[in-house]
Amino acid sequence: MNARNEVRNRVVKVPACSVFEEGEVVVARLEMPGVPKEGLEIKVDGNELAINGAKREEKTEGRYLLRERRHDAYRKLFTLDDTIARDRIEASLENGVLTLRLHIKEAAKPRRIEVS
């Protein structure tokens, strides 16, 4: 499944998101219910972190009598500053929640200077 192609034919929603610091890591949690791991596309391009997610279309042999379940897509963009290590971004998906862990560059971390 290509998440980008799936997004073209659907309503695109912005997922609910929480962002917080956890020690020397910035954590973002995005609600994307129904989106499988294969339906996610996460890309970093310069200072932009783009997250796209799409649910699989429900297939049926019969004719729908009622169809309220939607198969929307999700898209969220973040602008990264220079303190984030682009090569150390981690992603995991559990129970419809995508968790991104953005590590802070060593050079951007505060350091204590000893006085001699």
C-alpha atoms as a PDB file:
ATOM      1  CA  MET A   1       0.000   0.000   0.000  1.00  0.00           C
ATOM      2  CA  ASN A   2       1.369   3.400  -0.922  1.00  0.00           C
ATOM      3  CA  ALA A   3       0.132   5.919   1.626  1.00  0.00           C
ATOM      4  CA  ARG A   4       0.558   8.848  -0.762  1.00  0.00           C
ATOM      5  CA  ASN A   5      -1.647   7.250  -3.481  1.00  0.00           C
ATOM      6  CA  GLU A   6      -4.257   6.312  -0.892  1.00  0.00           C
ATOM      7  CA  VAL A   7      -4.468   9.936   0.302  1.00  0.00           C
ATOM      8  CA  ARG A   8      -5.482  11.255  -3.133  1.00  0.00           C
ATOM      9  CA  ASN A   9      -8.988   9.747  -3.068  1.00  0.00           C
ATOM     10  CA  ARG A  10      -9.960  10.456   0.541  1.00  0.00           C
ATOM     11  CA  VAL A  11     -10.757  13.143   3.020  1.00  0.00           C
ATOM     12  CA  VAL A  12      -7.492  14.040   4.730  1.00  0.00           C
ATOM     13  CA  LYS A  13      -7.623  14.627   8.483  1.00  0.00           C
ATOM     14  CA  VAL A  14      -5.033  16.134  10.788  1.00  0.00           C
ATOM     15  CA  PRO A  15      -4.467  13.574  13.553  1.00  0.00           C
ATOM     16  CA  ALA A  16      -4.788  14.609  17.198  1.00  0.00           C
ATOM     17  CA  CYS A  17      -1.254  15.042  18.507  1.00  0.00           C
ATOM     18  CA  SER A  18       0.662  15.567  21.737  1.00  0.00           C
ATOM     19  CA  VAL A  19       4.303  16.683  21.809  1.00  0.00           C
ATOM     20  CA  PHE A  20       6.433  16.653  24.953  1.00  0.00           C
ATOM     21  CA  GLU A  21      10.020  16.441  26.155  1.00  0.00           C
ATOM     22  CA  GLU A  22      11.221  13.281  27.810  1.00  0.00           C
ATOM     23  CA  GLY A  23      14.774  13.872  28.990  1.00  0.00           C
ATOM     24  CA  GLU A  24      16.850  14.608  25.893  1.00  0.00           C
ATOM     25  CA  VAL A  25      14.211  13.358  23.444  1.00  0.00           C
ATOM     26  CA  VAL A  26      11.174  15.122  21.969  1.00  0.00           C
ATOM     27  CA  VAL A  27       8.230  12.714  21.743  1.00  0.00           C
ATOM     28  CA  ALA A  28       5.228  13.184  19.459  1.00  0.00           C
ATOM     29  CA  ARG A  29       2.177  10.925  19.725  1.00  0.00           C
ATOM     30  CA  LEU A  30      -0.396  11.015  16.937  1.00  0.00           C
ATOM     31  CA  GLU A  31      -3.788   9.284  16.938  1.00  0.00           C
ATOM     32  CA  MET A  32      -4.258   7.402  13.664  1.00  0.00           C
ATOM     33  CA  PRO A  33      -6.887   4.715  14.376  1.00  0.00           C
ATOM     34  CA  GLY A  34      -7.160   1.956  11.805  1.00  0.00           C
ATOM     35  CA  VAL A  35      -3.934   2.841   9.998  1.00  0.00           C
ATOM     36  CA  PRO A  36      -1.646  -0.209   9.622  1.00  0.00           C
ATOM     37  CA  LYS A  37       2.138   0.031   9.672  1.00  0.00           C
ATOM     38  CA  GLU A  38       2.155  -0.561   5.912  1.00  0.00           C
ATOM     39  CA  GLY A  39      -0.159   2.435   5.455  1.00  0.00           C
ATOM     40  CA  LEU A  40       2.307   4.910   6.972  1.00  0.00           C
ATOM     41  CA  GLU A  41       4.809   7.107   5.180  1.00  0.00           C
ATOM     42  CA  ILE A  42       7.166   9.223   7.295  1.00  0.00           C
ATOM     43  CA  LYS A  43       9.659  11.460   5.512  1.00  0.00           C
ATOM     44  CA  VAL A  44      12.175  14.122   6.455  1.00  0.00           C
ATOM     45  CA  ASP A  45      12.973  16.674   3.757  1.00  0.00           C
ATOM     46  CA  GLY A  46      15.183  19.492   4.982  1.00  0.00           C
ATOM     47  CA  ASN A  47      13.398  21.008   7.970  1.00  0.00           C
ATOM     48  CA  GLU A  48      10.043  19.352   7.215  1.00  0.00           C
ATOM     49  CA  LEU A  49       8.855  16.126   8.846  1.00  0.00           C
ATOM     50  CA  ALA A  50       5.820  14.792   6.953  1.00  0.00           C
ATOM     51  CA  ILE A  51       3.593  12.001   8.228  1.00  0.00           C
ATOM     52  CA  ASN A  52       0.994  10.425   5.937  1.00  0.00           C
ATOM     53  CA  GLY A  53      -1.264   7.538   6.910  1.00  0.00           C
ATOM     54  CA  ALA A  54      -4.101   5.722   5.165  1.00  0.00           C
ATOM     55  CA  LYS A  55      -6.522   3.010   6.186  1.00  0.00           C
ATOM     56  CA  ARG A  56      -7.186   0.041   3.947  1.00  0.00           C
ATOM     57  CA  GLU A  57     -10.421   0.155   2.018  1.00  0.00           C
ATOM     58  CA  GLU A  58     -12.937  -2.351   3.351  1.00  0.00           C
ATOM     59  CA  LYS A  59     -13.835  -4.910   0.677  1.00  0.00           C
ATOM     60  CA  THR A  60     -17.167  -6.718   0.468  1.00  0.00           C
ATOM     61  CA  GLU A  61     -18.762  -9.087  -2.005  1.00  0.00           C
ATOM     62  CA  GLY A  62     -22.238  -7.853  -1.180  1.00  0.00           C
ATOM     63  CA  ARG A  63     -24.095  -4.581  -1.458  1.00  0.00           C
ATOM     64  CA  TYR A  64     -23.917  -2.147   1.465  1.00  0.00           C
ATOM     65  CA  LEU A  65     -27.171  -1.448   3.263  1.00  0.00           C
ATOM     66  CA  LEU A  66     -25.498   0.982   5.671  1.00  0.00           C
ATOM     67  CA  ARG A  67     -21.968   2.353   5.408  1.00  0.00           C
ATOM     68  CA  GLU A  68     -20.911   4.747   8.156  1.00  0.00           C
ATOM     69  CA  ARG A  69     -17.297   3.630   8.541  1.00  0.00           C
ATOM     70  CA  ARG A  70     -15.003   6.051   6.768  1.00  0.00           C
ATOM     71  CA  HIS A  71     -11.639   5.315   5.281  1.00  0.00           C
ATOM     72  CA  ASP A  72     -10.064   8.704   5.693  1.00  0.00           C
ATOM     73  CA  ALA A  73      -6.389   9.483   5.475  1.00  0.00           C
ATOM     74  CA  TYR A  74      -4.206  11.434   7.886  1.00  0.00           C
ATOM     75  CA  ARG A  75      -1.505  14.031   7.271  1.00  0.00           C
ATOM     76  CA  LYS A  76       0.602  16.021   9.723  1.00  0.00           C
ATOM     77  CA  LEU A  77       3.559  18.306   9.032  1.00  0.00           C
ATOM     78  CA  PHE A  78       6.149  19.471  11.526  1.00  0.00           C
ATOM     79  CA  THR A  79       8.934  21.999  11.051  1.00  0.00           C
ATOM     80  CA  LEU A  80      12.130  20.758  12.689  1.00  0.00           C
ATOM     81  CA  ASP A  81      14.696  23.137  14.107  1.00  0.00           C
ATOM     82  CA  ASP A  82      18.445  22.593  13.947  1.00  0.00           C
ATOM     83  CA  THR A  83      18.599  20.877  17.343  1.00  0.00           C
ATOM     84  CA  ILE A  84      16.919  17.665  16.074  1.00  0.00           C
ATOM     85  CA  ALA A  85      19.138  14.842  14.776  1.00  0.00           C
ATOM     86  CA  ARG A  86      17.413  13.901  11.497  1.00  0.00           C
ATOM     87  CA  ASP A  87      19.201  10.540  11.322  1.00  0.00           C
ATOM     88  CA  ARG A  88      17.990   9.468  14.787  1.00  0.00           C
ATOM     89  CA  ILE A  89      14.207   9.788  14.441  1.00  0.00           C
ATOM     90  CA  GLU A  90      12.422   6.630  15.610  1.00  0.00           C
ATOM     91  CA  ALA A  91       8.812   5.622  14.927  1.00  0.00           C
ATOM     92  CA  SER A  92       6.537   2.962  16.417  1.00  0.00           C
ATOM     93  CA  LEU A  93       2.835   2.192  16.027  1.00  0.00           C
ATOM     94  CA  GLU A  94       0.709   0.593  18.728  1.00  0.00           C
ATOM     95  CA  ASN A  95      -3.084   0.510  19.147  1.00  0.00           C
ATOM     96  CA  GLY A  96      -3.649   3.276  16.594  1.00  0.00           C
ATOM     97  CA  VAL A  97      -1.107   5.640  18.153  1.00  0.00           C
ATOM     98  CA  LEU A  98       2.016   6.585  16.193  1.00  0.00           C
ATOM     99  CA  THR A  99       4.907   7.541  18.479  1.00  0.00           C
ATOM    100  CA  LEU A 100       7.858   9.491  17.098  1.00  0.00           C
ATOM    101  CA  ARG A 101      11.024   9.943  19.147  1.00  0.00           C
ATOM    102  CA  LEU A 102      13.160  12.859  17.969  1.00  0.00           C
ATOM    103  CA  HIS A 103      16.609  12.876  19.528  1.00  0.00           C
ATOM    104  CA  ILE A 104      18.359  16.155  20.267  1.00  0.00           C
ATOM    105  CA  LYS A 105      21.808  16.591  18.686  1.00  0.00           C
ATOM    106  CA  GLU A 106      24.756  16.288  21.055  1.00  0.00           C
ATOM    107  CA  ALA A 107      25.977  19.772  20.093  1.00  0.00           C
ATOM    108  CA  ALA A 108      22.590  21.270  21.034  1.00  0.00           C
ATOM    109  CA  LYS A 109      22.456  19.714  24.506  1.00  0.00           C
ATOM    110  CA  PRO A 110      23.398  21.955  27.401  1.00  0.00           C
ATOM    111  CA  ARG A 111      26.748  21.140  28.928  1.00  0.00           C
ATOM    112  CA  ARG A 112      28.360  22.103  32.172  1.00  0.00           C
ATOM    113  CA  ILE A 113      31.679  23.922  32.023  1.00  0.00           C
ATOM    114  CA  GLU A 114      34.058  23.253  34.873  1.00  0.00           C
ATOM    115  CA  VAL A 115      35.976  26.183  36.282  1.00  0.00           C
ATOM    116  CA  SER A 116      39.671  25.526  36.824  1.00  0.00           C
END
